[in-house]
């Protein structure tokens, strides 16, 4: 008797293009196995699928090597952050404060 299969999607988006692959995997396949079997590394050589952060339907998976997939899941491969969002917000706030300070000084004369 054949083992049960499940259908899942694996998605990755680079800044300039994206891909969505549909796979048929064994019922006990993990999130990481889906990423590795997607073949996306052939299209995006910069990807390290063995270490990349992964999620399912927009939620980060903390244990992708052991979390088993369910029928219809969409595995998402996340790119590393180029900048810490907190630092970006701090920098923007500092720039806005500096502009406000300069505008106030210009109004005074």
N, C-alpha and C. Protein backbone atom coordinates (compact mmCIF):
# COMPACT_ATOMS: atom_id res chain seq x y z
N UNK A 1 0.84 -1.18 0.00
CA UNK A 1 0.00 0.00 0.00
C UNK A 1 0.88 1.25 0.00
N UNK A 2 0.54 2.20 -0.84
CA UNK A 2 1.34 3.43 -0.96
C UNK A 2 1.11 4.31 0.26
N UNK A 3 2.20 4.98 0.68
CA UNK A 3 2.05 5.89 1.82
C UNK A 3 1.30 7.14 1.40
N UNK A 4 0.64 7.73 2.36
CA UNK A 4 -0.17 8.92 2.09
C UNK A 4 0.73 10.10 1.71
N UNK A 5 0.29 10.86 0.74
CA UNK A 5 1.00 12.05 0.28
C UNK A 5 0.18 13.29 0.63
N UNK A 6 0.88 14.42 0.77
CA UNK A 6 0.17 15.67 0.96
C UNK A 6 0.71 16.70 0.00
N UNK A 7 -0.14 17.62 -0.36
CA UNK A 7 0.23 18.67 -1.29
C UNK A 7 0.50 19.95 -0.50
N UNK A 8 1.68 20.54 -0.71
CA UNK A 8 2.05 21.79 -0.05
C UNK A 8 2.68 22.72 -1.08
N UNK A 9 2.75 23.99 -0.74
CA UNK A 9 3.41 24.98 -1.58
C UNK A 9 4.63 25.51 -0.84
N UNK A 10 5.65 25.87 -1.59
CA UNK A 10 6.84 26.50 -1.03
C UNK A 10 7.04 27.81 -1.79
N UNK A 11 7.17 28.90 -1.04
CA UNK A 11 7.27 30.23 -1.65
C UNK A 11 8.55 30.94 -1.22
N UNK A 12 9.11 31.69 -2.17
CA UNK A 12 10.24 32.56 -1.87
C UNK A 12 10.11 33.81 -2.72
N UNK A 13 10.40 34.96 -2.13
CA UNK A 13 10.34 36.23 -2.86
C UNK A 13 11.66 36.96 -2.69
N UNK A 14 12.34 37.18 -3.80
CA UNK A 14 13.53 38.03 -3.83
C UNK A 14 13.04 39.44 -4.15
N UNK A 15 13.89 40.44 -4.01
CA UNK A 15 13.44 41.80 -4.30
C UNK A 15 12.92 41.97 -5.73
N UNK A 16 13.44 41.19 -6.67
CA UNK A 16 13.07 41.38 -8.07
C UNK A 16 12.16 40.30 -8.66
N UNK A 17 11.97 39.20 -7.96
CA UNK A 17 11.09 38.14 -8.48
C UNK A 17 10.69 37.19 -7.37
N UNK A 18 9.66 36.40 -7.66
CA UNK A 18 9.19 35.44 -6.66
C UNK A 18 8.83 34.13 -7.35
N UNK A 19 8.81 33.07 -6.55
CA UNK A 19 8.43 31.76 -7.07
C UNK A 19 7.57 31.04 -6.05
N UNK A 20 6.62 30.27 -6.57
CA UNK A 20 5.75 29.43 -5.75
C UNK A 20 5.75 28.05 -6.39
N UNK A 21 6.20 27.05 -5.63
CA UNK A 21 6.32 25.69 -6.12
C UNK A 21 5.33 24.80 -5.37
N UNK A 22 4.62 23.93 -6.09
CA UNK A 22 3.73 22.96 -5.46
C UNK A 22 4.43 21.61 -5.43
N UNK A 23 4.41 20.99 -4.25
CA UNK A 23 5.08 19.70 -4.06
C UNK A 23 4.11 18.65 -3.53
N UNK A 24 4.39 17.41 -3.85
CA UNK A 24 3.73 16.26 -3.24
C UNK A 24 4.78 15.61 -2.34
N UNK A 25 4.50 15.54 -1.06
CA UNK A 25 5.46 15.02 -0.08
C UNK A 25 4.82 13.93 0.77
N UNK A 26 5.64 13.09 1.40
CA UNK A 26 5.09 12.10 2.33
C UNK A 26 4.36 12.81 3.48
N UNK A 27 3.40 12.15 4.06
CA UNK A 27 2.58 12.74 5.11
C UNK A 27 3.38 13.17 6.33
N UNK A 28 4.57 12.62 6.54
CA UNK A 28 5.37 12.98 7.71
C UNK A 28 6.47 13.99 7.38
N UNK A 29 6.38 14.66 6.23
CA UNK A 29 7.41 15.62 5.82
C UNK A 29 7.41 16.84 6.74
N UNK A 30 8.62 17.37 6.96
CA UNK A 30 8.76 18.55 7.82
C UNK A 30 8.85 19.82 6.97
N UNK A 31 8.74 20.94 7.64
CA UNK A 31 8.84 22.25 6.99
C UNK A 31 10.18 22.37 6.27
N UNK A 32 11.27 22.01 6.94
CA UNK A 32 12.61 22.11 6.32
C UNK A 32 12.73 21.19 5.11
N UNK A 33 12.18 19.96 5.21
CA UNK A 33 12.25 19.03 4.08
C UNK A 33 11.54 19.60 2.86
N UNK A 34 10.43 20.27 3.06
CA UNK A 34 9.71 20.88 1.94
C UNK A 34 10.57 21.95 1.27
N UNK A 35 11.22 22.78 2.08
CA UNK A 35 12.09 23.82 1.52
C UNK A 35 13.23 23.19 0.73
N UNK A 36 13.85 22.18 1.30
CA UNK A 36 14.99 21.53 0.63
C UNK A 36 14.57 20.84 -0.67
N UNK A 37 13.38 20.26 -0.68
CA UNK A 37 12.92 19.52 -1.86
C UNK A 37 12.27 20.42 -2.91
N UNK A 38 12.11 21.70 -2.60
CA UNK A 38 11.46 22.62 -3.54
C UNK A 38 12.28 22.89 -4.78
N UNK A 39 13.60 22.77 -4.68
CA UNK A 39 14.46 23.09 -5.82
C UNK A 39 14.68 24.57 -6.02
N UNK A 40 14.22 25.39 -5.09
CA UNK A 40 14.34 26.84 -5.24
C UNK A 40 15.79 27.33 -5.22
N UNK A 41 16.68 26.56 -4.61
CA UNK A 41 18.07 26.99 -4.56
C UNK A 41 18.69 27.03 -5.96
N UNK A 42 18.18 26.25 -6.88
CA UNK A 42 18.67 26.28 -8.25
C UNK A 42 18.32 27.61 -8.92
N UNK A 43 17.21 28.22 -8.52
CA UNK A 43 16.76 29.50 -9.09
C UNK A 43 17.31 30.70 -8.31
N UNK A 44 17.62 30.48 -7.04
CA UNK A 44 18.11 31.55 -6.16
C UNK A 44 19.36 31.02 -5.45
N UNK A 45 20.53 31.07 -6.11
CA UNK A 45 21.75 30.47 -5.54
C UNK A 45 22.15 31.08 -4.19
N UNK A 46 21.69 32.27 -3.88
CA UNK A 46 22.04 32.90 -2.61
C UNK A 46 21.33 32.25 -1.42
N UNK A 47 20.33 31.44 -1.68
CA UNK A 47 19.57 30.79 -0.60
C UNK A 47 20.38 29.68 0.06
N UNK A 48 20.34 29.65 1.37
CA UNK A 48 20.89 28.53 2.13
C UNK A 48 19.70 27.84 2.80
N UNK A 49 19.09 26.93 2.07
CA UNK A 49 17.85 26.30 2.55
C UNK A 49 18.04 25.47 3.81
N UNK A 50 19.27 25.04 4.07
CA UNK A 50 19.52 24.25 5.28
C UNK A 50 19.49 25.13 6.53
N UNK A 51 19.65 26.46 6.36
CA UNK A 51 19.71 27.34 7.52
C UNK A 51 18.70 28.49 7.47
N UNK A 52 18.04 28.69 6.35
CA UNK A 52 17.14 29.84 6.19
C UNK A 52 15.97 29.76 7.18
N UNK A 53 15.54 30.93 7.70
CA UNK A 53 14.34 30.94 8.53
C UNK A 53 13.12 30.60 7.66
N UNK A 54 12.22 29.81 8.23
CA UNK A 54 11.04 29.35 7.50
C UNK A 54 9.78 29.65 8.27
N UNK A 55 8.69 29.77 7.54
CA UNK A 55 7.39 29.98 8.17
C UNK A 55 6.33 29.21 7.43
N UNK A 56 5.15 29.16 8.03
CA UNK A 56 3.99 28.56 7.39
C UNK A 56 2.86 29.59 7.48
N UNK A 57 2.36 29.99 6.32
CA UNK A 57 1.30 30.99 6.24
C UNK A 57 1.62 32.25 7.05
N UNK A 58 2.85 32.76 6.92
CA UNK A 58 3.22 34.03 7.54
C UNK A 58 3.63 33.95 8.99
N UNK A 59 3.68 32.77 9.57
CA UNK A 59 4.10 32.63 10.97
C UNK A 59 5.42 31.89 11.02
N UNK A 60 6.41 32.51 11.66
CA UNK A 60 7.73 31.90 11.78
C UNK A 60 7.62 30.56 12.49
N UNK A 61 8.31 29.55 11.95
CA UNK A 61 8.35 28.22 12.56
C UNK A 61 9.66 28.14 13.33
N UNK A 62 9.57 27.91 14.63
CA UNK A 62 10.77 27.89 15.46
C UNK A 62 11.54 26.58 15.37
N UNK A 63 10.88 25.50 14.96
CA UNK A 63 11.55 24.20 14.83
C UNK A 63 11.21 23.59 13.46
N UNK A 64 11.71 24.19 12.37
CA UNK A 64 11.33 23.70 11.04
C UNK A 64 11.85 22.31 10.71
N UNK A 65 12.87 21.85 11.45
CA UNK A 65 13.40 20.51 11.19
C UNK A 65 12.54 19.41 11.78
N UNK A 66 11.63 19.77 12.68
CA UNK A 66 10.78 18.76 13.31
C UNK A 66 9.28 19.01 13.11
N UNK A 67 8.89 20.23 12.76
CA UNK A 67 7.46 20.51 12.59
C UNK A 67 6.94 19.84 11.32
N UNK A 68 5.95 18.99 11.49
CA UNK A 68 5.37 18.24 10.38
C UNK A 68 4.33 19.10 9.68
N UNK A 69 4.31 18.99 8.36
CA UNK A 69 3.37 19.77 7.55
C UNK A 69 1.98 19.15 7.54
N UNK A 70 1.01 19.98 7.18
CA UNK A 70 -0.36 19.53 6.98
C UNK A 70 -0.76 19.79 5.54
N UNK A 71 -1.74 19.07 5.07
CA UNK A 71 -2.25 19.23 3.71
C UNK A 71 -2.55 20.70 3.44
N UNK A 72 -2.04 21.20 2.30
CA UNK A 72 -2.35 22.56 1.87
C UNK A 72 -1.49 23.65 2.49
N UNK A 73 -0.54 23.31 3.36
CA UNK A 73 0.33 24.33 3.97
C UNK A 73 1.13 25.07 2.90
N UNK A 74 1.44 26.33 3.19
CA UNK A 74 2.34 27.11 2.34
C UNK A 74 3.59 27.43 3.17
N UNK A 75 4.69 26.83 2.80
CA UNK A 75 5.97 27.07 3.47
C UNK A 75 6.58 28.31 2.84
N UNK A 76 7.03 29.23 3.68
CA UNK A 76 7.64 30.47 3.20
C UNK A 76 9.10 30.50 3.64
N UNK A 77 9.96 30.82 2.70
CA UNK A 77 11.40 30.94 2.97
C UNK A 77 11.67 32.43 3.13
N UNK A 78 12.22 32.81 4.27
CA UNK A 78 12.45 34.22 4.56
C UNK A 78 13.88 34.62 4.25
N UNK A 79 14.02 35.82 3.69
CA UNK A 79 15.34 36.40 3.43
C UNK A 79 15.87 37.01 4.72
N UNK A 80 17.20 37.08 4.86
CA UNK A 80 17.75 37.75 6.05
C UNK A 80 17.45 39.25 5.97
N UNK A 81 17.26 39.86 7.13
CA UNK A 81 17.02 41.30 7.17
C UNK A 81 18.31 42.03 6.83
N UNK A 82 18.19 43.09 6.03
CA UNK A 82 19.35 43.90 5.70
C UNK A 82 19.62 44.93 6.79
N UNK A 83 18.57 45.31 7.50
CA UNK A 83 18.71 46.29 8.57
C UNK A 83 17.72 45.93 9.67
N UNK A 84 18.12 46.18 10.90
CA UNK A 84 17.25 45.93 12.04
C UNK A 84 16.11 46.95 12.02
N UNK A 85 14.85 46.51 11.96
CA UNK A 85 13.73 47.45 11.89
C UNK A 85 13.71 48.46 13.03
N UNK A 86 14.12 48.06 14.22
CA UNK A 86 14.15 48.99 15.34
C UNK A 86 15.15 50.12 15.08
N UNK A 87 16.31 49.75 14.55
CA UNK A 87 17.33 50.76 14.25
C UNK A 87 16.86 51.70 13.14
N UNK A 88 16.18 51.18 12.15
CA UNK A 88 15.66 52.01 11.06
C UNK A 88 14.66 53.02 11.61
N UNK A 89 13.76 52.57 12.50
CA UNK A 89 12.77 53.49 13.10
C UNK A 89 13.46 54.57 13.93
N UNK A 90 14.46 54.17 14.72
CA UNK A 90 15.21 55.14 15.53
C UNK A 90 15.87 56.19 14.65
N UNK A 91 16.48 55.75 13.56
CA UNK A 91 17.16 56.67 12.65
C UNK A 91 16.17 57.63 12.01
N UNK A 92 15.01 57.11 11.58
CA UNK A 92 13.97 57.97 11.00
C UNK A 92 13.47 58.99 12.00
N UNK A 93 13.25 58.57 13.23
CA UNK A 93 12.78 59.49 14.27
C UNK A 93 13.82 60.57 14.54
N UNK A 94 15.10 60.21 14.57
CA UNK A 94 16.16 61.19 14.80
C UNK A 94 16.23 62.17 13.65
N UNK A 95 16.07 61.69 12.43
CA UNK A 95 16.09 62.58 11.27
C UNK A 95 14.90 63.54 11.30
N UNK A 96 13.73 63.05 11.66
CA UNK A 96 12.54 63.90 11.75
C UNK A 96 12.72 64.96 12.83
N UNK A 97 13.30 64.57 13.96
CA UNK A 97 13.54 65.53 15.04
C UNK A 97 14.53 66.60 14.59
N UNK A 98 15.55 66.21 13.86
CA UNK A 98 16.55 67.17 13.36
C UNK A 98 15.92 68.13 12.36
N UNK A 99 15.05 67.63 11.48
CA UNK A 99 14.36 68.51 10.52
C UNK A 99 13.46 69.50 11.26
N UNK A 100 12.76 69.03 12.28
CA UNK A 100 11.88 69.91 13.06
C UNK A 100 12.69 70.98 13.77
N UNK A 101 13.83 70.60 14.28
CA UNK A 101 14.72 71.55 14.97
C UNK A 101 15.22 72.62 13.99
N UNK A 102 15.62 72.19 12.81
CA UNK A 102 16.09 73.12 11.79
C UNK A 102 14.98 74.05 11.32
N UNK A 103 13.77 73.51 11.16
CA UNK A 103 12.63 74.34 10.74
C UNK A 103 12.31 75.38 11.80
N UNK A 104 12.36 74.99 13.06
CA UNK A 104 12.07 75.93 14.16
C UNK A 104 13.15 77.02 14.20
N UNK A 105 14.40 76.64 13.99
CA UNK A 105 15.49 77.62 13.99
C UNK A 105 15.33 78.58 12.82
N UNK A 106 14.90 78.10 11.65
CA UNK A 106 14.71 78.94 10.49
C UNK A 106 13.58 79.94 10.70
N UNK A 107 12.54 79.52 11.41
CA UNK A 107 11.41 80.42 11.68
C UNK A 107 11.82 81.55 12.62
N UNK A 108 12.74 81.25 13.55
CA UNK A 108 13.19 82.27 14.50
C UNK A 108 14.12 83.28 13.86
N UNK A 109 14.65 82.93 12.76
CA UNK A 109 15.48 83.94 12.13
C UNK A 109 16.76 83.48 11.73
